Amino acid sequence: MTVKRKKVDISINKKDVTYVKSLKYQIFDALKKGDETISSKVAKAFGTTRRRALEKLSSLEEDGLLTSEFKNCRFPSGSVAKTRIFTRK
């Protein structure tokens, strides 16, 4: 006696899954060539912590997509701080 097997569909389609970019590449795509940014602005824009934003920016730098340097910056509050500035290549 043969057993009739039920056909099972295990493929995914656009109704099942939405593809999203990782935060790291969302940040990269938001920067145009030559744009400068700091981790606090990235964190605010993407709703994450400054630490996580800094990790993603550092990772992009390690991948050769950004460069960084420390500069003294004056903020709207009037304070001046040495800040790591990231620039998209």
C-alpha atoms as a PDB file:
ATOM      1  CA  MET A   1       0.000   0.000   0.000  1.00  0.00           C
ATOM      2  CA  THR A   2       1.352   3.427  -0.895  1.00  0.00           C
ATOM      3  CA  VAL A   3       0.928   6.435   1.336  1.00  0.00           C
ATOM      4  CA  LYS A   4      -0.026   9.641  -0.386  1.00  0.00           C
ATOM      5  CA  ARG A   5       2.076  12.499   1.007  1.00  0.00           C
ATOM      6  CA  LYS A   6       0.706  15.943   1.382  1.00  0.00           C
ATOM      7  CA  LYS A   7       2.569  18.604  -0.616  1.00  0.00           C
ATOM      8  CA  VAL A   8       4.096  21.170   1.718  1.00  0.00           C
ATOM      9  CA  ASP A   9       5.106  24.663   0.601  1.00  0.00           C
ATOM     10  CA  ILE A  10       8.154  25.837   2.575  1.00  0.00           C
ATOM     11  CA  SER A  11       9.169  28.731   0.340  1.00  0.00           C
ATOM     12  CA  ILE A  12       8.991  32.296   1.581  1.00  0.00           C
ATOM     13  CA  ASN A  13       7.414  35.166  -0.277  1.00  0.00           C
ATOM     14  CA  LYS A  14       6.833  38.870   0.230  1.00  0.00           C
ATOM     15  CA  LYS A  15       3.753  38.222   2.376  1.00  0.00           C
ATOM     16  CA  ASP A  16       5.770  36.115   4.836  1.00  0.00           C
ATOM     17  CA  VAL A  17       9.004  38.057   5.192  1.00  0.00           C
ATOM     18  CA  THR A  18      10.214  41.627   4.888  1.00  0.00           C
ATOM     19  CA  TYR A  19      13.917  42.088   4.267  1.00  0.00           C
ATOM     20  CA  VAL A  20      15.622  44.863   6.200  1.00  0.00           C
ATOM     21  CA  LYS A  21      19.145  46.221   6.172  1.00  0.00           C
ATOM     22  CA  SER A  22      21.231  45.998   9.310  1.00  0.00           C
ATOM     23  CA  LEU A  23      21.663  49.188  11.321  1.00  0.00           C
ATOM     24  CA  LYS A  24      25.274  49.373  10.168  1.00  0.00           C
ATOM     25  CA  TYR A  25      24.288  49.637   6.494  1.00  0.00           C
ATOM     26  CA  GLN A  26      21.305  51.886   7.197  1.00  0.00           C
ATOM     27  CA  ILE A  27      23.786  54.331   8.748  1.00  0.00           C
ATOM     28  CA  PHE A  28      26.156  53.984   5.784  1.00  0.00           C
ATOM     29  CA  ASP A  29      23.341  54.573   3.276  1.00  0.00           C
ATOM     30  CA  ALA A  30      22.214  57.697   5.153  1.00  0.00           C
ATOM     31  CA  LEU A  31      25.636  59.322   4.653  1.00  0.00           C
ATOM     32  CA  LYS A  32      26.603  60.835   1.324  1.00  0.00           C
ATOM     33  CA  LYS A  33      30.204  60.851   0.140  1.00  0.00           C
ATOM     34  CA  GLY A  34      32.134  63.438   2.160  1.00  0.00           C
ATOM     35  CA  ASP A  35      29.456  63.769   4.877  1.00  0.00           C
ATOM     36  CA  GLU A  36      30.694  64.080   8.460  1.00  0.00           C
ATOM     37  CA  THR A  37      28.857  62.813  11.537  1.00  0.00           C
ATOM     38  CA  ILE A  38      29.263  61.953  15.203  1.00  0.00           C
ATOM     39  CA  SER A  39      27.857  59.032  17.164  1.00  0.00           C
ATOM     40  CA  SER A  40      25.356  61.114  19.156  1.00  0.00           C
ATOM     41  CA  LYS A  41      23.676  62.429  15.971  1.00  0.00           C
ATOM     42  CA  VAL A  42      23.527  58.900  14.528  1.00  0.00           C
ATOM     43  CA  ALA A  43      22.093  57.532  17.780  1.00  0.00           C
ATOM     44  CA  LYS A  44      19.370  60.173  17.860  1.00  0.00           C
ATOM     45  CA  ALA A  45      18.479  59.676  14.178  1.00  0.00           C
ATOM     46  CA  PHE A  46      18.209  55.887  14.462  1.00  0.00           C
ATOM     47  CA  GLY A  47      16.747  55.660  17.969  1.00  0.00           C
ATOM     48  CA  THR A  48      19.648  53.763  19.474  1.00  0.00           C
ATOM     49  CA  THR A  49      22.336  54.413  22.077  1.00  0.00           C
ATOM     50  CA  ARG A  50      25.493  56.436  21.417  1.00  0.00           C
ATOM     51  CA  ARG A  51      27.547  53.356  22.304  1.00  0.00           C
ATOM     52  CA  ARG A  52      25.778  51.178  19.710  1.00  0.00           C
ATOM     53  CA  ALA A  53      26.059  53.942  17.094  1.00  0.00           C
ATOM     54  CA  LEU A  54      29.784  54.271  17.833  1.00  0.00           C
ATOM     55  CA  GLU A  55      30.228  50.504  17.445  1.00  0.00           C
ATOM     56  CA  LYS A  56      28.517  50.567  14.031  1.00  0.00           C
ATOM     57  CA  LEU A  57      30.503  53.611  12.861  1.00  0.00           C
ATOM     58  CA  SER A  58      33.763  51.985  14.036  1.00  0.00           C
ATOM     59  CA  SER A  59      32.834  48.798  12.206  1.00  0.00           C
ATOM     60  CA  LEU A  60      32.233  50.776   8.991  1.00  0.00           C
ATOM     61  CA  GLU A  61      35.645  52.366   9.496  1.00  0.00           C
ATOM     62  CA  GLU A  62      37.255  48.934   9.914  1.00  0.00           C
ATOM     63  CA  ASP A  63      35.561  47.912   6.637  1.00  0.00           C
ATOM     64  CA  GLY A  64      37.255  50.884   4.947  1.00  0.00           C
ATOM     65  CA  LEU A  65      33.998  52.737   4.240  1.00  0.00           C
ATOM     66  CA  LEU A  66      34.515  55.620   6.702  1.00  0.00           C
ATOM     67  CA  THR A  67      37.458  57.477   8.193  1.00  0.00           C
ATOM     68  CA  SER A  68      37.607  59.176  11.572  1.00  0.00           C
ATOM     69  CA  GLU A  69      39.627  61.779  13.395  1.00  0.00           C
ATOM     70  CA  PHE A  70      39.392  63.604  16.706  1.00  0.00           C
ATOM     71  CA  LYS A  71      38.581  67.316  16.541  1.00  0.00           C
ATOM     72  CA  ASN A  72      37.531  69.960  19.055  1.00  0.00           C
ATOM     73  CA  CYS A  73      33.858  70.782  18.447  1.00  0.00           C
ATOM     74  CA  ARG A  74      31.647  73.517  19.847  1.00  0.00           C
ATOM     75  CA  PHE A  75      28.088  72.335  20.466  1.00  0.00           C
ATOM     76  CA  PRO A  76      24.888  74.443  20.544  1.00  0.00           C
ATOM     77  CA  SER A  77      25.016  74.397  24.350  1.00  0.00           C
ATOM     78  CA  GLY A  78      28.313  76.295  24.132  1.00  0.00           C
ATOM     79  CA  SER A  79      30.430  73.421  25.423  1.00  0.00           C
ATOM     80  CA  VAL A  80      33.601  72.386  23.608  1.00  0.00           C
ATOM     81  CA  ALA A  81      34.709  68.774  23.537  1.00  0.00           C
ATOM     82  CA  LYS A  82      37.192  66.609  21.683  1.00  0.00           C
ATOM     83  CA  THR A  83      34.936  64.536  19.451  1.00  0.00           C
ATOM     84  CA  ARG A  84      35.471  61.644  17.058  1.00  0.00           C
ATOM     85  CA  ILE A  85      34.252  62.803  13.640  1.00  0.00           C
ATOM     86  CA  PHE A  86      33.423  60.122  11.056  1.00  0.00           C
ATOM     87  CA  THR A  87      33.574  60.924   7.317  1.00  0.00           C
ATOM     88  CA  ARG A  88      32.213  58.796   4.490  1.00  0.00           C
ATOM     89  CA  LYS A  89      34.869  58.109   1.851  1.00  0.00           C
END
